[in-house]
Amino acid sequence: MAGIGVDPTTRARVRAAMSANSRENFLPPDVRHLADADHPVMIGWNATNSQPSTVARMLALLDVQPGDRVLDVGSGSGWTTAILSTLAGEEGTVIGVELVPQLVSYGRERLAETRARAEIREAIPGVLGLPEEAPFDRILVSAQATSIPVRLEAQLAEGGCMVVPVAGLMTVVDMRDGVAHRREDAGIYSFVPLEDGEGD
């Protein structure tokens, strides 16, 4: 399977945003020495800080634009939330949602320490995303679904985009003329499971 093409300018913007938000700042002190390793790092509460190359690929596929409203599903340590805030810029809005209360607190602390222009909210059990605040221009899902989470698709704005790993395949959903168009990228990915309403 051929990978989805990404504009070099987009890749450059993602690299710059990741450089501006050091992974080390979002890792617990006892594993910060692993910040430069290109693999997931456990951060507690059965959660990981994702592999940098995977984060870079997902963000390149998502192609966040300045001023976008962005939803970060499964915000974890807050690292991707902070990177998204850099990409969306001062005019953008970035909201992370996380199901584990301890991770919500942890992520909020990291965002405050790094002065990221974003927020993290505790997810409501049984509710996927933030339907009451939809639509969003971009949705990033950092957890693996077993099938396309259509309840998140419904939260996409016209012209919006969602990136979500589905059964090991990185999937891009583009909302055009009210219809969700789905594309699969090359490669196999592993994430913690997406909880609460996946696939429906």
Protein backbone atom coordinates (compact mmCIF):
# COMPACT_ATOMS: atom_id res chain seq x y z
CA MET A 1 0.00 0.00 0.00
CA ALA A 2 1.37 3.40 -0.95
CA GLY A 3 1.45 6.06 1.73
CA ILE A 4 -0.72 9.18 1.53
CA GLY A 5 1.19 12.08 0.04
CA VAL A 6 2.01 15.03 2.31
CA ASP A 7 3.24 18.44 1.19
CA PRO A 8 6.87 19.15 2.25
CA THR A 9 5.77 22.47 3.75
CA THR A 10 3.35 20.63 6.03
CA ARG A 11 6.08 18.24 7.17
CA ALA A 12 8.35 21.21 7.89
CA ARG A 13 5.65 22.94 9.95
CA VAL A 14 5.13 19.76 11.98
CA ARG A 15 8.87 19.37 12.63
CA ALA A 16 9.08 22.98 13.80
CA ALA A 17 6.06 22.58 16.11
CA MET A 18 7.49 19.39 17.61
CA SER A 19 10.85 21.10 18.16
CA ALA A 20 9.06 23.94 19.96
CA ASN A 21 7.40 21.46 22.34
CA SER A 22 10.13 19.23 23.75
CA ARG A 23 8.96 15.69 24.46
CA GLU A 24 11.11 15.67 27.58
CA ASN A 25 8.86 18.26 29.23
CA PHE A 26 5.90 15.90 28.99
CA LEU A 27 7.57 12.79 30.43
CA PRO A 28 7.79 11.84 34.13
CA PRO A 29 11.25 12.59 35.59
CA ASP A 30 12.25 8.91 35.82
CA VAL A 31 11.85 8.35 32.05
CA ARG A 32 12.94 11.71 30.66
CA HIS A 33 16.22 10.15 29.59
CA LEU A 34 14.16 8.29 26.95
CA ALA A 35 12.86 11.49 25.35
CA ASP A 36 15.04 11.15 22.25
CA ALA A 37 14.20 7.47 21.69
CA ASP A 38 11.86 6.81 18.78
CA HIS A 39 9.52 4.50 20.64
CA PRO A 40 6.54 4.85 23.01
CA VAL A 41 7.35 5.61 26.65
CA MET A 42 5.16 4.52 29.55
CA ILE A 43 4.00 7.48 31.66
CA GLY A 44 1.81 5.67 34.18
CA TRP A 45 -1.88 4.77 34.43
CA ASN A 46 -1.41 2.24 31.58
CA ALA A 47 -0.72 5.13 29.19
CA THR A 48 2.15 5.92 26.85
CA ASN A 49 3.71 8.99 25.34
CA SER A 50 3.60 8.10 21.66
CA GLN A 51 6.54 7.37 19.40
CA PRO A 52 7.80 10.67 17.90
CA SER A 53 7.87 9.39 14.31
CA THR A 54 4.26 8.23 14.67
CA VAL A 55 3.22 11.59 16.11
CA ALA A 56 4.98 13.37 13.24
CA ARG A 57 3.19 11.22 10.66
CA MET A 58 -0.23 11.68 12.24
CA LEU A 59 0.20 15.45 12.48
CA ALA A 60 1.44 15.67 8.90
CA LEU A 61 -1.66 13.78 7.73
CA LEU A 62 -3.89 16.00 9.89
CA ASP A 63 -2.41 19.20 8.40
CA VAL A 64 -3.63 21.63 11.07
CA GLN A 65 -3.95 25.19 9.81
CA PRO A 66 -3.64 28.45 11.78
CA GLY A 67 -7.02 29.33 13.29
CA ASP A 68 -8.36 25.75 13.27
CA ARG A 69 -10.58 24.36 16.02
CA VAL A 70 -8.90 21.11 17.02
CA LEU A 71 -10.03 18.20 19.18
CA ASP A 72 -7.33 15.92 20.65
CA VAL A 73 -8.95 12.64 21.70
CA GLY A 74 -6.87 10.70 24.21
CA SER A 75 -4.60 13.61 25.13
CA GLY A 76 -2.55 11.58 27.61
CA SER A 77 0.57 13.49 28.68
CA GLY A 78 -0.56 16.61 26.81
CA TRP A 79 2.37 16.51 24.37
CA THR A 80 0.30 16.24 21.19
CA THR A 81 -2.13 18.81 22.61
CA ALA A 82 0.72 21.29 22.98
CA ILE A 83 2.06 20.58 19.50
CA LEU A 84 -1.42 21.06 18.05
CA SER A 85 -1.70 24.42 19.81
CA THR A 86 1.49 25.58 18.12
CA LEU A 87 0.18 24.48 14.72
CA ALA A 88 -3.24 26.12 15.27
CA GLY A 89 -1.62 29.36 16.43
CA GLU A 90 -2.99 32.15 18.59
CA GLU A 91 -6.24 32.32 16.62
CA GLY A 92 -6.85 28.59 16.92
CA THR A 93 -8.57 26.56 19.64
CA VAL A 94 -7.23 23.22 20.89
CA ILE A 95 -9.13 21.05 23.36
CA GLY A 96 -7.85 17.73 24.60
CA VAL A 97 -10.14 15.10 26.13
CA GLU A 98 -8.88 12.31 28.35
CA LEU A 99 -10.78 9.58 30.20
CA VAL A 100 -8.28 8.90 33.03
CA PRO A 101 -8.59 11.57 35.75
CA GLN A 102 -4.94 11.28 36.78
CA LEU A 103 -3.86 11.87 33.19
CA VAL A 104 -6.14 14.88 32.94
CA SER A 105 -4.33 16.41 35.93
CA TYR A 106 -0.92 15.38 34.62
CA GLY A 107 -1.58 16.80 31.14
CA ARG A 108 -2.97 20.05 32.53
CA GLU A 109 0.15 20.49 34.66
CA ARG A 110 2.42 19.94 31.67
CA LEU A 111 0.45 22.44 29.56
CA ALA A 112 0.64 25.02 32.35
CA GLU A 113 4.38 24.50 32.79
CA THR A 114 5.03 24.92 29.08
CA ARG A 115 2.48 27.74 28.68
CA ALA A 116 0.74 25.97 25.84
CA ARG A 117 -2.39 27.68 24.54
CA ALA A 118 -4.65 24.65 24.97
CA GLU A 119 -6.82 22.92 27.52
CA ILE A 120 -7.55 19.36 28.58
CA ARG A 121 -10.95 18.22 29.82
CA GLU A 122 -11.99 15.01 31.50
CA ALA A 123 -13.99 12.88 29.09
CA ILE A 124 -17.53 11.96 30.07
CA PRO A 125 -17.94 8.16 30.27
CA GLY A 126 -20.04 6.96 27.36
CA VAL A 127 -19.45 10.14 25.35
CA LEU A 128 -16.87 10.13 22.57
CA GLY A 129 -15.26 13.48 21.86
CA LEU A 130 -17.10 16.74 22.56
CA PRO A 131 -20.32 16.56 20.53
CA GLU A 132 -21.79 19.59 22.30
CA GLU A 133 -18.92 21.76 21.03
CA ALA A 134 -18.73 20.38 17.49
CA PRO A 135 -17.94 20.95 14.73
CA PHE A 136 -14.14 20.79 14.71
CA ASP A 137 -11.83 21.50 11.78
CA ARG A 138 -9.40 18.80 12.87
CA ILE A 139 -9.70 15.75 15.14
CA LEU A 140 -6.67 13.74 16.26
CA VAL A 141 -7.31 10.36 17.88
CA SER A 142 -4.37 8.89 19.78
CA ALA A 143 -6.04 5.58 20.60
CA GLN A 144 -6.89 2.58 18.45
CA ALA A 145 -10.44 1.98 17.27
CA THR A 146 -11.66 -1.39 16.05
CA SER A 147 -13.78 0.35 13.42
CA ILE A 148 -14.32 3.92 12.22
CA PRO A 149 -15.65 5.99 15.15
CA VAL A 150 -18.62 7.49 13.35
CA ARG A 151 -19.60 9.56 16.38
CA LEU A 152 -16.34 11.46 15.92
CA GLU A 153 -16.89 11.72 12.16
CA ALA A 154 -20.16 13.50 13.00
CA GLN A 155 -18.15 16.13 14.90
CA LEU A 156 -16.13 17.15 11.84
CA ALA A 157 -16.79 20.49 10.19
CA GLU A 158 -17.30 20.73 6.44
CA GLY A 159 -13.82 20.56 4.93
CA GLY A 160 -12.51 19.05 8.18
CA CYS A 161 -10.15 16.14 8.71
CA MET A 162 -9.72 13.39 11.30
CA VAL A 163 -6.73 11.08 11.75
CA VAL A 164 -7.39 7.87 13.68
CA PRO A 165 -5.71 4.45 13.89
CA VAL A 166 -8.29 1.80 13.01
CA ALA A 167 -7.43 -1.88 13.46
CA GLY A 168 -3.73 -1.10 12.99
CA LEU A 169 -4.14 1.14 9.94
CA MET A 170 -3.74 4.91 10.13
CA THR A 171 -6.94 6.26 8.64
CA VAL A 172 -7.67 9.78 7.36
CA VAL A 173 -11.27 10.94 7.22
CA ASP A 174 -12.04 14.02 5.09
CA MET A 175 -15.48 15.64 5.37
CA ARG A 176 -16.55 16.91 1.94
CA ASP A 177 -20.09 17.96 1.00
CA GLY A 178 -21.38 16.36 4.17
CA VAL A 179 -19.88 12.98 3.29
CA ALA A 180 -16.98 11.31 5.14
CA HIS A 181 -14.29 10.15 2.71
CA ARG A 182 -11.87 7.65 4.22
CA ARG A 183 -8.28 6.90 3.20
CA GLU A 184 -5.74 4.48 4.68
CA ASP A 185 -2.05 5.25 5.05
CA ALA A 186 0.77 2.73 4.70
CA GLY A 187 2.18 0.93 7.73
CA ILE A 188 0.84 -0.85 10.80
CA TYR A 189 0.41 1.00 14.08
CA SER A 190 -0.24 -0.02 17.68
CA PHE A 191 -2.05 2.16 20.24
CA VAL A 192 -3.96 1.72 23.47
CA PRO A 193 -7.64 0.96 22.77
CA LEU A 194 -10.12 3.73 22.12
CA GLU A 195 -12.77 3.51 24.84
CA ASP A 196 -16.40 4.61 25.11
CA GLY A 197 -18.43 4.22 21.98
CA GLU A 198 -15.76 3.27 19.49
CA GLY A 199 -17.11 2.52 16.06
CA ASP A 200 -20.64 3.76 16.67
